[in-house]
Amino acid sequence: MAINLENYVRDLAYLTCGNLSDLTLNFGDKSWQIHKALASCHSKWFRKAITIGFEETDSGVVTLQDDIEFTDAVDCMVSYFYEAGYNASKYSTSESLLHAQVAILADKYDCASLYDLARTSFANTVKAVENDDWAVIAAFTYDNTSIEVPAHVELRGLVVAAVAGRHSILTSTIRNESIVEILRSSADLATDLLLSGLGSKAKDGSEHIFMCDHCHYVHAGSRNCSNVVFGGSIGGGCPQCGNPSGTTSKRYTHRFRIVSAFSCPFCDGVHTVAPMEPEPAPIITLA
C-alpha cells in the first residue's frame, strides 16, 4: 500500500503539541517540547548531545546559546524537524535574511538537509532584494560567518553575487552611505566585492571600451549594446559623430581627461552623453 507523503508529514506535525515529548529545547525566553528521535534524525549535533553522555543526555534539556536574533531561525529548525520545511512568510524577519539565518544555524548544528533547503531558498531570494535590504543581509552574513567554514564561504558568495552580477545595482549599492559604512567595517565584504567585480570583467568578453578620436565620445559597457554596435563592434563609425574611428583594444593608449559619465540607456554601462531633457510642453494662451 502506497503511503501518502503529504498526509504523513501532516500527521507527524501533530507531535509539535508536545504529546509524549522527551526533550525540552530552550532558546532565550522560548521553549519547545520536542522528541529526541526526530531531533537526532535530522541533526548530528543533537544526536551527540543526547546520546553520548553529555549533560543533556540525563536532563532531557537542551539550551542553545546563539544570539537572540536567531530566534525565528530556531523556530524554523524545529518546524523542519516535524514538517520537512518551514514557512518563512509567517515571521517578522525578512524572508531572505531568515533563510540566511537558518542556513547558518543548520550548518552549526549539522543539519545537512535543512542547510540545503535554506541555502537554496536564500540563493533564490537574495538576488532580488533592494539595496537597503541587501545591506542588512550582507552585514549579518559577514558578521556571523568566516572564511574557514565551507558553508560560510558559500553563503558569502551568494551575498556578493546578488549585486556583483548587476552592474547598475552594484554601482548604486556602493554609493549608498549606509553600505559604505558596512564596507568600511568589513574588510572581507569589501574585498569580496572588489574581487568579484574584477573577476566578472575578466570573464565577460562582451564588455569593452569604445573611444572616438574625433568627438571624444566614450562608451564603457557591453560590446553588444545597441548604442555602439554601429561603431566599435563591427568596424563602423562613431555612433555620435559618424567618424570612422574608435577602438576596443585593451592595449590602446589614449590621452584623456576627467569627464562626466552617465548611465547608458541601452545597457548596464556608462557613456559620456548626458540624457536628453524632455522638451517643455508648449504654452497655449487663449485670446
Protein backbone atom coordinates (compact mmCIF):
# COMPACT_ATOMS: atom_id res chain seq x y z
CA MET A 1 0.00 0.00 0.00
CA ALA A 2 1.47 3.35 -1.06
CA ILE A 3 1.90 5.99 1.63
CA ASN A 4 0.51 9.47 1.14
CA LEU A 5 3.57 11.57 1.94
CA GLU A 6 1.56 14.77 2.40
CA ASN A 7 -0.72 13.14 4.96
CA TYR A 8 2.27 11.51 6.65
CA VAL A 9 4.04 14.83 7.14
CA ARG A 10 0.80 16.44 8.30
CA ASP A 11 0.20 13.69 10.86
CA LEU A 12 3.81 13.89 12.04
CA ALA A 13 3.35 17.60 12.67
CA TYR A 14 0.76 16.78 15.34
CA LEU A 15 3.65 15.84 17.58
CA THR A 16 4.57 19.53 17.92
CA CYS A 17 1.79 19.86 20.50
CA GLY A 18 4.19 18.21 22.96
CA ASN A 19 2.41 14.89 23.49
CA LEU A 20 4.90 12.26 24.70
CA SER A 21 7.80 14.67 24.14
CA ASP A 22 11.07 13.67 25.79
CA LEU A 23 13.27 16.71 25.14
CA THR A 24 12.96 20.38 26.04
CA LEU A 25 14.69 22.87 23.76
CA ASN A 26 15.35 26.30 25.29
CA PHE A 27 16.46 29.40 23.47
CA GLY A 28 16.23 32.85 25.02
CA ASP A 29 12.81 33.10 26.63
CA LYS A 30 11.24 30.47 24.36
CA SER A 31 10.91 26.72 24.85
CA TRP A 32 9.84 23.85 22.61
CA GLN A 33 8.75 20.38 23.70
CA ILE A 34 10.25 18.12 21.06
CA HIS A 35 11.24 14.50 20.53
CA LYS A 36 14.76 13.12 20.72
CA ALA A 37 14.19 10.68 17.87
CA LEU A 38 13.23 13.40 15.39
CA ALA A 39 15.88 15.90 16.51
CA SER A 40 18.67 13.32 16.32
CA CYS A 41 17.38 12.05 12.98
CA HIS A 42 17.87 15.46 11.35
CA SER A 43 20.83 16.83 13.33
CA LYS A 44 24.11 15.08 14.13
CA TRP A 45 24.76 17.74 16.78
CA PHE A 46 21.55 16.88 18.63
CA ARG A 47 22.27 13.16 18.23
CA LYS A 48 25.60 13.54 20.00
CA ALA A 49 24.21 15.85 22.67
CA ILE A 50 21.50 13.44 23.76
CA THR A 51 23.23 10.07 23.32
CA ILE A 52 26.91 10.18 24.31
CA GLY A 53 26.80 11.18 27.94
CA PHE A 54 26.61 14.97 27.88
CA GLU A 55 24.54 16.81 30.49
CA GLU A 56 21.64 16.91 28.03
CA THR A 57 21.57 13.11 27.96
CA ASP A 58 20.40 12.88 31.57
CA SER A 59 18.49 16.13 31.93
CA GLY A 60 16.48 15.93 28.73
CA VAL A 61 17.01 19.67 28.29
CA VAL A 62 19.00 21.37 25.52
CA THR A 63 19.72 25.09 25.82
CA LEU A 64 21.09 26.87 22.75
CA GLN A 65 23.33 29.89 23.33
CA ASP A 66 23.13 31.64 19.96
CA ASP A 67 22.46 35.37 19.55
CA ILE A 68 18.84 36.33 20.17
CA GLU A 69 18.41 37.43 16.54
CA PHE A 70 18.37 33.72 15.61
CA THR A 71 15.06 33.17 17.45
CA ASP A 72 12.97 32.84 14.29
CA ALA A 73 15.63 30.60 12.74
CA VAL A 74 15.50 28.23 15.73
CA ASP A 75 11.72 28.03 15.35
CA CYS A 76 12.23 27.23 11.66
CA MET A 77 14.63 24.44 12.62
CA VAL A 78 12.05 22.93 14.97
CA SER A 79 9.41 23.18 12.23
CA TYR A 80 11.77 21.38 9.87
CA PHE A 81 12.21 18.51 12.33
CA TYR A 82 8.47 17.82 12.10
CA GLU A 83 7.36 19.12 8.71
CA ALA A 84 10.47 18.81 6.49
CA GLY A 85 10.18 22.53 5.77
CA TYR A 86 9.35 25.91 7.25
CA ASN A 87 7.13 28.84 6.31
CA ALA A 88 9.36 31.93 6.10
CA SER A 89 6.46 34.27 5.38
CA LYS A 90 4.95 33.95 8.86
CA TYR A 91 7.88 35.62 10.63
CA SER A 92 8.69 39.29 11.09
CA THR A 93 12.24 38.72 9.82
CA SER A 94 12.52 39.37 6.07
CA GLU A 95 12.47 36.13 4.07
CA SER A 96 15.92 36.37 2.53
CA LEU A 97 17.55 37.29 5.85
CA LEU A 98 15.69 34.48 7.59
CA HIS A 99 16.93 31.95 5.02
CA ALA A 100 20.49 33.13 5.70
CA GLN A 101 19.96 32.75 9.45
CA VAL A 102 18.50 29.26 9.04
CA ALA A 103 21.37 28.21 6.78
CA ILE A 104 23.98 29.41 9.30
CA LEU A 105 22.14 27.70 12.16
CA ALA A 106 21.67 24.47 10.19
CA ASP A 107 25.36 24.31 9.39
CA LYS A 108 26.29 24.90 13.05
CA TYR A 109 24.02 22.13 14.29
CA ASP A 110 25.00 19.77 11.48
CA CYS A 111 21.57 19.52 9.88
CA ALA A 112 22.62 18.97 6.27
CA SER A 113 19.20 18.68 4.64
CA LEU A 114 17.95 21.85 6.34
CA TYR A 115 21.08 23.68 5.23
CA ASP A 116 20.48 22.63 1.62
CA LEU A 117 16.89 23.87 1.78
CA ALA A 118 17.78 27.20 3.39
CA ARG A 119 20.76 27.80 1.11
CA THR A 120 18.65 27.19 -2.00
CA SER A 121 15.91 29.49 -0.70
CA PHE A 122 18.49 32.13 0.16
CA ALA A 123 20.05 31.93 -3.31
CA ASN A 124 16.64 32.40 -4.93
CA THR A 125 15.61 35.41 -2.81
CA VAL A 126 18.77 37.41 -2.14
CA LYS A 127 19.32 38.20 -5.82
CA ALA A 128 16.05 40.14 -5.91
CA VAL A 129 16.41 42.28 -2.77
CA GLU A 130 16.76 46.05 -2.84
CA ASN A 131 19.89 47.90 -1.74
CA ASP A 132 18.85 48.61 1.85
CA ASP A 133 17.74 45.03 2.44
CA TRP A 134 20.93 43.75 0.84
CA ALA A 135 22.97 45.89 3.25
CA VAL A 136 21.26 44.29 6.26
CA ILE A 137 21.71 40.79 4.84
CA ALA A 138 25.35 41.40 3.92
CA ALA A 139 26.21 42.82 7.34
CA PHE A 140 24.54 39.94 9.16
CA THR A 141 26.03 37.23 6.96
CA TYR A 142 29.57 38.53 7.17
CA ASP A 143 29.30 39.17 10.92
CA ASN A 144 28.20 35.58 11.55
CA THR A 145 30.40 33.67 9.12
CA SER A 146 34.09 33.13 8.45
CA ILE A 147 36.36 32.04 5.61
CA GLU A 148 37.34 28.84 7.46
CA VAL A 149 33.93 27.15 7.07
CA PRO A 150 32.98 25.99 3.53
CA ALA A 151 29.26 26.59 4.08
CA HIS A 152 30.01 30.13 5.27
CA VAL A 153 32.09 30.83 2.18
CA GLU A 154 29.20 29.59 0.04
CA LEU A 155 26.73 31.93 1.74
CA ARG A 156 29.10 34.88 1.42
CA GLY A 157 29.43 34.11 -2.27
CA LEU A 158 25.66 34.29 -2.70
CA VAL A 159 25.56 37.67 -0.94
CA VAL A 160 28.22 39.12 -3.23
CA ALA A 161 26.79 37.56 -6.39
CA ALA A 162 23.43 39.20 -5.67
CA VAL A 163 24.88 42.61 -6.60
CA ALA A 164 28.16 41.89 -8.39
CA GLY A 165 26.39 40.39 -11.38
CA ARG A 166 24.24 43.50 -11.89
CA HIS A 167 26.42 46.48 -12.76
CA SER A 168 23.78 49.14 -12.22
CA ILE A 169 22.77 47.64 -8.86
CA LEU A 170 26.39 47.36 -7.78
CA THR A 171 27.04 50.97 -8.73
CA SER A 172 24.08 52.26 -6.75
CA THR A 173 24.96 49.93 -3.88
CA ILE A 174 28.43 51.34 -3.34
CA ARG A 175 27.02 54.88 -3.49
CA ASN A 176 24.69 54.13 -0.58
CA GLU A 177 26.08 55.79 2.56
CA SER A 178 24.96 53.01 4.91
CA ILE A 179 26.57 50.39 2.70
CA VAL A 180 29.79 52.37 2.53
CA GLU A 181 29.91 52.26 6.33
CA ILE A 182 29.40 48.49 6.25
CA LEU A 183 32.21 48.10 3.73
CA ARG A 184 34.50 50.17 5.92
CA SER A 185 33.77 47.94 8.90
CA SER A 186 34.01 44.64 7.00
CA ALA A 187 37.23 44.19 5.08
CA ASP A 188 36.11 40.72 3.97
CA LEU A 189 32.95 42.05 2.32
CA ALA A 190 34.77 44.93 0.64
CA THR A 191 37.47 42.57 -0.64
CA ASP A 192 34.98 40.00 -1.93
CA LEU A 193 33.04 42.69 -3.79
CA LEU A 194 36.23 44.02 -5.36
CA LEU A 195 37.46 40.58 -6.41
CA SER A 196 34.05 39.63 -7.76
CA GLY A 197 33.93 42.79 -9.87
CA LEU A 198 37.38 42.18 -11.28
CA GLY A 199 36.59 38.55 -11.94
CA SER A 200 33.36 39.28 -13.76
CA LYS A 201 35.10 41.75 -16.04
CA ALA A 202 37.86 39.28 -16.79
CA LYS A 203 35.33 36.58 -17.67
CA ASP A 204 32.95 38.77 -19.64
CA GLY A 205 34.49 39.24 -23.05
CA SER A 206 31.47 41.26 -24.15
CA GLU A 207 32.50 44.28 -22.04
CA HIS A 208 34.77 46.76 -23.76
CA ILE A 209 35.59 50.45 -24.14
CA PHE A 210 34.83 52.44 -27.29
CA MET A 211 36.53 55.83 -27.75
CA CYS A 212 36.17 58.23 -30.67
CA ASP A 213 39.28 60.19 -31.68
CA HIS A 214 37.17 62.82 -33.38
CA CYS A 215 34.42 63.85 -30.93
CA HIS A 216 35.92 62.09 -27.87
CA TYR A 217 32.76 60.13 -27.21
CA VAL A 218 33.39 57.23 -24.80
CA HIS A 219 31.26 54.18 -24.05
CA ALA A 220 32.24 51.57 -21.45
CA GLY A 221 29.91 48.60 -21.30
CA SER A 222 28.57 45.73 -23.36
CA ARG A 223 30.08 45.05 -26.77
CA ASN A 224 26.57 44.24 -27.95
CA CYS A 225 24.98 47.46 -26.72
CA SER A 226 22.82 48.94 -29.48
CA ASN A 227 24.32 52.33 -28.68
CA VAL A 228 27.73 51.30 -30.05
CA VAL A 229 27.11 48.26 -32.21
CA PHE A 230 27.19 50.59 -35.22
CA GLY A 231 30.66 51.73 -34.20
CA GLY A 232 33.13 49.64 -32.26
CA SER A 233 31.73 46.17 -32.68
CA ILE A 234 31.59 45.88 -36.44
CA GLY A 235 34.22 48.38 -37.51
CA GLY A 236 31.83 51.18 -38.40
CA GLY A 237 31.88 54.80 -37.30
CA CYS A 238 31.29 56.58 -34.02
CA PRO A 239 27.62 56.37 -33.02
CA GLN A 240 27.69 60.08 -32.13
CA CYS A 241 29.56 61.78 -34.96
CA GLY A 242 29.85 59.01 -37.57
CA ASN A 243 33.64 59.38 -37.83
CA PRO A 244 35.29 56.04 -38.75
CA SER A 245 37.39 55.74 -35.61
CA GLY A 246 37.27 54.15 -32.21
CA THR A 247 38.82 51.15 -30.58
CA THR A 248 38.08 48.16 -28.40
CA SER A 249 41.70 47.20 -27.76
CA LYS A 250 42.80 46.88 -24.13
CA ARG A 251 46.32 47.91 -25.24
CA TYR A 252 45.18 51.15 -26.76
CA THR A 253 46.81 54.27 -25.27
CA HIS A 254 44.80 57.45 -25.25
CA ARG A 255 45.32 60.87 -23.70
CA PHE A 256 42.29 61.51 -21.57
CA ARG A 257 40.77 63.98 -19.20
CA ILE A 258 38.18 63.60 -16.45
CA VAL A 259 34.69 63.99 -17.87
CA SER A 260 31.18 63.38 -16.63
CA ALA A 261 29.78 59.91 -17.24
CA PHE A 262 26.12 58.96 -17.48
CA SER A 263 24.29 55.66 -17.41
CA CYS A 264 23.82 54.20 -20.87
CA PRO A 265 20.09 53.80 -21.56
CA PHE A 266 20.69 50.64 -23.61
CA CYS A 267 22.96 48.56 -21.31
CA ASP A 268 24.44 48.48 -17.82
CA GLY A 269 27.46 50.52 -18.93
CA VAL A 270 28.21 54.23 -18.94
CA HIS A 271 28.92 56.80 -21.65
CA THR A 272 29.70 60.48 -22.00
CA VAL A 273 26.39 61.72 -23.40
CA ALA A 274 24.04 63.36 -20.93
CA PRO A 275 20.43 62.16 -21.00
CA MET A 276 18.14 64.32 -23.06
CA GLU A 277 15.91 66.64 -21.10
CA PRO A 278 12.24 66.36 -22.02
CA GLU A 279 11.05 69.27 -24.13
CA PRO A 280 8.78 71.64 -22.19
CA ALA A 281 5.15 71.49 -23.11
CA PRO A 282 4.06 74.38 -25.32
CA ILE A 283 2.26 77.20 -23.55
CA ILE A 284 -1.16 77.78 -25.01
CA THR A 285 -2.83 81.10 -24.40
CA LEU A 286 -6.43 81.75 -25.09
CA ALA A 287 -7.38 85.04 -26.65
